[in-house]
Amino acid sequence: MTALKRYLKNIYLLYSILFLLVAVAVFVPYFVTGTSLIWQSDGIAQHFPALVD
């Protein structure tokens, strides 16, 4: 059982590291360029009336 626990711990560690690398690769360009994932008026015609009701 000790080998299984060590294997699972390594899997979680590997997954966490890969997740962080992917998240950095996706979000750093937006941070560096000062842009956002959402445009200023993106979806306002659709979502604003739903929020008002």
PDB file of N, CA and C in Angstrom:
ATOM      1  N   MET A   1       0.811  -1.206   0.000  1.00  0.00           N
ATOM      2  CA  MET A   1       0.000   0.000   0.000  1.00  0.00           C
ATOM      3  C   MET A   1       0.845   1.257   0.000  1.00  0.00           C
ATOM      4  N   THR A   2       2.027   1.204   0.524  1.00  0.00           N
ATOM      5  CA  THR A   2       2.866   2.393   0.573  1.00  0.00           C
ATOM      6  C   THR A   2       3.253   2.839  -0.832  1.00  0.00           C
ATOM      7  N   ALA A   3       3.522   1.895  -1.708  1.00  0.00           N
ATOM      8  CA  ALA A   3       3.882   2.241  -3.078  1.00  0.00           C
ATOM      9  C   ALA A   3       2.701   2.894  -3.794  1.00  0.00           C
ATOM     10  N   LEU A   4       1.490   2.427  -3.520  1.00  0.00           N
ATOM     11  CA  LEU A   4       0.302   3.002  -4.136  1.00  0.00           C
ATOM     12  C   LEU A   4       0.096   4.441  -3.664  1.00  0.00           C
ATOM     13  N   LYS A   5       0.260   4.690  -2.378  1.00  0.00           N
ATOM     14  CA  LYS A   5       0.117   6.050  -1.853  1.00  0.00           C
ATOM     15  C   LYS A   5       1.160   6.986  -2.457  1.00  0.00           C
ATOM     16  N   ARG A   6       2.376   6.515  -2.591  1.00  0.00           N
ATOM     17  CA  ARG A   6       3.441   7.322  -3.172  1.00  0.00           C
ATOM     18  C   ARG A   6       3.132   7.622  -4.649  1.00  0.00           C
ATOM     19  N   TYR A   7       2.616   6.631  -5.364  1.00  0.00           N
ATOM     20  CA  TYR A   7       2.249   6.813  -6.768  1.00  0.00           C
ATOM     21  C   TYR A   7       1.139   7.845  -6.903  1.00  0.00           C
ATOM     22  N   LEU A   8       0.120   7.749  -6.055  1.00  0.00           N
ATOM     23  CA  LEU A   8      -0.981   8.708  -6.116  1.00  0.00           C
ATOM     24  C   LEU A   8      -0.521  10.112  -5.759  1.00  0.00           C
ATOM     25  N   LYS A   9       0.368  10.219  -4.785  1.00  0.00           N
ATOM     26  CA  LYS A   9       0.896  11.522  -4.409  1.00  0.00           C
ATOM     27  C   LYS A   9       1.680  12.132  -5.573  1.00  0.00           C
ATOM     28  N   ASN A  10       2.442  11.305  -6.280  1.00  0.00           N
ATOM     29  CA  ASN A  10       3.190  11.799  -7.435  1.00  0.00           C
ATOM     30  C   ASN A  10       2.257  12.219  -8.563  1.00  0.00           C
ATOM     31  N   ILE A  11       1.163  11.489  -8.737  1.00  0.00           N
ATOM     32  CA  ILE A  11       0.198  11.842  -9.775  1.00  0.00           C
ATOM     33  C   ILE A  11      -0.420  13.212  -9.476  1.00  0.00           C
ATOM     34  N   TYR A  12      -0.810  13.438  -8.231  1.00  0.00           N
ATOM     35  CA  TYR A  12      -1.395  14.726  -7.856  1.00  0.00           C
ATOM     36  C   TYR A  12      -0.387  15.860  -8.013  1.00  0.00           C
ATOM     37  N   LEU A  13       0.843  15.605  -7.648  1.00  0.00           N
ATOM     38  CA  LEU A  13       1.891  16.612  -7.795  1.00  0.00           C
ATOM     39  C   LEU A  13       2.127  16.925  -9.271  1.00  0.00           C
ATOM     40  N   LEU A  14       2.208  15.912 -10.097  1.00  0.00           N
ATOM     41  CA  LEU A  14       2.396  16.108 -11.531  1.00  0.00           C
ATOM     42  C   LEU A  14       1.216  16.860 -12.141  1.00  0.00           C
ATOM     43  N   TYR A  15       0.008  16.483 -11.770  1.00  0.00           N
ATOM     44  CA  TYR A  15      -1.178  17.176 -12.270  1.00  0.00           C
ATOM     45  C   TYR A  15      -1.172  18.645 -11.862  1.00  0.00           C
ATOM     46  N   SER A  16      -0.815  18.924 -10.631  1.00  0.00           N
ATOM     47  CA  SER A  16      -0.785  20.306 -10.150  1.00  0.00           C
ATOM     48  C   SER A  16       0.248  21.138 -10.904  1.00  0.00           C
ATOM     49  N   ILE A  17       1.409  20.569 -11.124  1.00  0.00           N
ATOM     50  CA  ILE A  17       2.458  21.289 -11.856  1.00  0.00           C
ATOM     51  C   ILE A  17       2.028  21.543 -13.297  1.00  0.00           C
ATOM     52  N   LEU A  18       1.454  20.541 -13.946  1.00  0.00           N
ATOM     53  CA  LEU A  18       0.987  20.716 -15.320  1.00  0.00           C
ATOM     54  C   LEU A  18      -0.141  21.737 -15.394  1.00  0.00           C
ATOM     55  N   PHE A  19      -1.042  21.721 -14.423  1.00  0.00           N
ATOM     56  CA  PHE A  19      -2.124  22.704 -14.389  1.00  0.00           C
ATOM     57  C   PHE A  19      -1.569  24.113 -14.266  1.00  0.00           C
ATOM     58  N   LEU A  20      -0.608  24.311 -13.389  1.00  0.00           N
ATOM     59  CA  LEU A  20      -0.011  25.632 -13.223  1.00  0.00           C
ATOM     60  C   LEU A  20       0.690  26.096 -14.497  1.00  0.00           C
ATOM     61  N   LEU A  21       1.393  25.197 -15.167  1.00  0.00           N
ATOM     62  CA  LEU A  21       2.067  25.557 -16.407  1.00  0.00           C
ATOM     63  C   LEU A  21       1.070  25.961 -17.491  1.00  0.00           C
ATOM     64  N   VAL A  22      -0.008  25.216 -17.613  1.00  0.00           N
ATOM     65  CA  VAL A  22      -1.025  25.546 -18.617  1.00  0.00           C
ATOM     66  C   VAL A  22      -1.714  26.860 -18.263  1.00  0.00           C
ATOM     67  N   ALA A  23      -2.047  27.051 -16.985  1.00  0.00           N
ATOM     68  CA  ALA A  23      -2.694  28.292 -16.566  1.00  0.00           C
ATOM     69  C   ALA A  23      -1.794  29.496 -16.836  1.00  0.00           C
ATOM     70  N   VAL A  24      -0.520  29.361 -16.553  1.00  0.00           N
ATOM     71  CA  VAL A  24       0.420  30.459 -16.827  1.00  0.00           C
ATOM     72  C   VAL A  24       0.502  30.717 -18.324  1.00  0.00           C
ATOM     73  N   ALA A  25       0.572  29.651 -19.127  1.00  0.00           N
ATOM     74  CA  ALA A  25       0.665  29.820 -20.579  1.00  0.00           C
ATOM     75  C   ALA A  25      -0.575  30.489 -21.143  1.00  0.00           C
ATOM     76  N   VAL A  26      -1.727  30.267 -20.538  1.00  0.00           N
ATOM     77  CA  VAL A  26      -2.968  30.843 -21.048  1.00  0.00           C
ATOM     78  C   VAL A  26      -3.152  32.285 -20.574  1.00  0.00           C
ATOM     79  N   PHE A  27      -2.885  32.565 -19.303  1.00  0.00           N
ATOM     80  CA  PHE A  27      -3.250  33.856 -18.738  1.00  0.00           C
ATOM     81  C   PHE A  27      -2.149  34.904 -18.734  1.00  0.00           C
ATOM     82  N   VAL A  28      -0.898  34.531 -18.787  1.00  0.00           N
ATOM     83  CA  VAL A  28       0.183  35.519 -18.760  1.00  0.00           C
ATOM     84  C   VAL A  28       0.144  36.456 -19.963  1.00  0.00           C
ATOM     85  N   PRO A  29      -0.129  35.972 -21.184  1.00  0.00           N
ATOM     86  CA  PRO A  29      -0.200  36.930 -22.296  1.00  0.00           C
ATOM     87  C   PRO A  29      -1.236  38.031 -22.078  1.00  0.00           C
ATOM     88  N   TYR A  30      -2.359  37.712 -21.473  1.00  0.00           N
ATOM     89  CA  TYR A  30      -3.368  38.732 -21.192  1.00  0.00           C
ATOM     90  C   TYR A  30      -2.858  39.714 -20.141  1.00  0.00           C
ATOM     91  N   PHE A  31      -2.175  39.215 -19.146  1.00  0.00           N
ATOM     92  CA  PHE A  31      -1.643  40.080 -18.093  1.00  0.00           C
ATOM     93  C   PHE A  31      -0.542  40.984 -18.639  1.00  0.00           C
ATOM     94  N   VAL A  32       0.337  40.440 -19.457  1.00  0.00           N
ATOM     95  CA  VAL A  32       1.464  41.206 -19.993  1.00  0.00           C
ATOM     96  C   VAL A  32       0.981  42.304 -20.942  1.00  0.00           C
ATOM     97  N   THR A  33      -0.013  41.991 -21.772  1.00  0.00           N
ATOM     98  CA  THR A  33      -0.491  42.981 -22.736  1.00  0.00           C
ATOM     99  C   THR A  33      -1.529  43.929 -22.151  1.00  0.00           C
ATOM    100  N   GLY A  34      -1.997  43.649 -20.941  1.00  0.00           N
ATOM    101  CA  GLY A  34      -2.975  44.526 -20.305  1.00  0.00           C
ATOM    102  C   GLY A  34      -4.370  44.374 -20.876  1.00  0.00           C
ATOM    103  N   THR A  35      -4.646  43.259 -21.509  1.00  0.00           N
ATOM    104  CA  THR A  35      -5.968  43.027 -22.081  1.00  0.00           C
ATOM    105  C   THR A  35      -6.767  42.089 -21.180  1.00  0.00           C
ATOM    106  N   SER A  36      -7.993  41.815 -21.598  1.00  0.00           N
ATOM    107  CA  SER A  36      -8.888  40.983 -20.812  1.00  0.00           C
ATOM    108  C   SER A  36      -9.441  39.864 -21.681  1.00  0.00           C
ATOM    109  N   LEU A  37      -9.995  38.862 -21.055  1.00  0.00           N
ATOM    110  CA  LEU A  37     -10.637  37.775 -21.781  1.00  0.00           C
ATOM    111  C   LEU A  37     -11.996  38.193 -22.330  1.00  0.00           C
ATOM    112  N   ILE A  38     -12.562  39.244 -21.747  1.00  0.00           N
ATOM    113  CA  ILE A  38     -13.898  39.701 -22.127  1.00  0.00           C
ATOM    114  C   ILE A  38     -13.786  41.107 -22.697  1.00  0.00           C
ATOM    115  N   TRP A  39     -14.403  41.323 -23.836  1.00  0.00           N
ATOM    116  CA  TRP A  39     -14.422  42.662 -24.411  1.00  0.00           C
ATOM    117  C   TRP A  39     -15.301  43.556 -23.567  1.00  0.00           C
ATOM    118  N   GLN A  40     -15.155  44.853 -23.761  1.00  0.00           N
ATOM    119  CA  GLN A  40     -15.878  45.816 -22.932  1.00  0.00           C
ATOM    120  C   GLN A  40     -17.389  45.657 -23.062  1.00  0.00           C
ATOM    121  N   SER A  41     -17.887  45.495 -24.264  1.00  0.00           N
ATOM    122  CA  SER A  41     -19.340  45.407 -24.432  1.00  0.00           C
ATOM    123  C   SER A  41     -19.783  43.999 -24.820  1.00  0.00           C
ATOM    124  N   ASP A  42     -18.971  43.031 -24.590  1.00  0.00           N
ATOM    125  CA  ASP A  42     -19.279  41.664 -24.996  1.00  0.00           C
ATOM    126  C   ASP A  42     -20.445  41.107 -24.188  1.00  0.00           C
ATOM    127  N   GLY A  43     -21.535  40.806 -24.854  1.00  0.00           N
ATOM    128  CA  GLY A  43     -22.657  40.162 -24.206  1.00  0.00           C
ATOM    129  C   GLY A  43     -23.572  41.086 -23.425  1.00  0.00           C
ATOM    130  N   ILE A  44     -23.362  42.391 -23.497  1.00  0.00           N
ATOM    131  CA  ILE A  44     -24.180  43.305 -22.694  1.00  0.00           C
ATOM    132  C   ILE A  44     -25.641  43.244 -23.124  1.00  0.00           C
ATOM    133  N   ALA A  45     -25.883  43.080 -24.414  1.00  0.00           N
ATOM    134  CA  ALA A  45     -27.280  43.028 -24.900  1.00  0.00           C
ATOM    135  C   ALA A  45     -27.987  41.768 -24.432  1.00  0.00           C
ATOM    136  N   GLN A  46     -27.230  40.733 -24.185  1.00  0.00           N
ATOM    137  CA  GLN A  46     -27.847  39.469 -23.763  1.00  0.00           C
ATOM    138  C   GLN A  46     -27.970  39.383 -22.245  1.00  0.00           C
ATOM    139  N   HIS A  47     -26.942  39.755 -21.532  1.00  0.00           N
ATOM    140  CA  HIS A  47     -26.919  39.506 -20.085  1.00  0.00           C
ATOM    141  C   HIS A  47     -27.518  40.633 -19.248  1.00  0.00           C
ATOM    142  N   PHE A  48     -27.412  41.853 -19.694  1.00  0.00           N
ATOM    143  CA  PHE A  48     -27.953  42.955 -18.901  1.00  0.00           C
ATOM    144  C   PHE A  48     -29.454  42.848 -18.698  1.00  0.00           C
ATOM    145  N   PRO A  49     -30.263  42.564 -19.744  1.00  0.00           N
ATOM    146  CA  PRO A  49     -31.703  42.409 -19.508  1.00  0.00           C
ATOM    147  C   PRO A  49     -32.030  41.256 -18.564  1.00  0.00           C
ATOM    148  N   ALA A  50     -31.238  40.208 -18.584  1.00  0.00           N
ATOM    149  CA  ALA A  50     -31.476  39.090 -17.679  1.00  0.00           C
ATOM    150  C   ALA A  50     -31.172  39.487 -16.233  1.00  0.00           C
ATOM    151  N   LEU A  51     -30.209  40.360 -16.032  1.00  0.00           N
ATOM    152  CA  LEU A  51     -29.884  40.807 -14.681  1.00  0.00           C
ATOM    153  C   LEU A  51     -30.927  41.785 -14.144  1.00  0.00           C
ATOM    154  N   VAL A  52     -31.510  42.582 -15.030  1.00  0.00           N
ATOM    155  CA  VAL A  52     -32.508  43.563 -14.611  1.00  0.00           C
ATOM    156  C   VAL A  52     -33.803  42.881 -14.155  1.00  0.00           C
ATOM    157  N   ASP A  53     -34.186  41.808 -14.843  1.00  0.00           N
ATOM    158  CA  ASP A  53     -35.437  41.116 -14.498  1.00  0.00           C
ATOM    159  C   ASP A  53     -35.380  40.426 -13.175  1.00  0.00           C
TER     160      ASP A  53
END
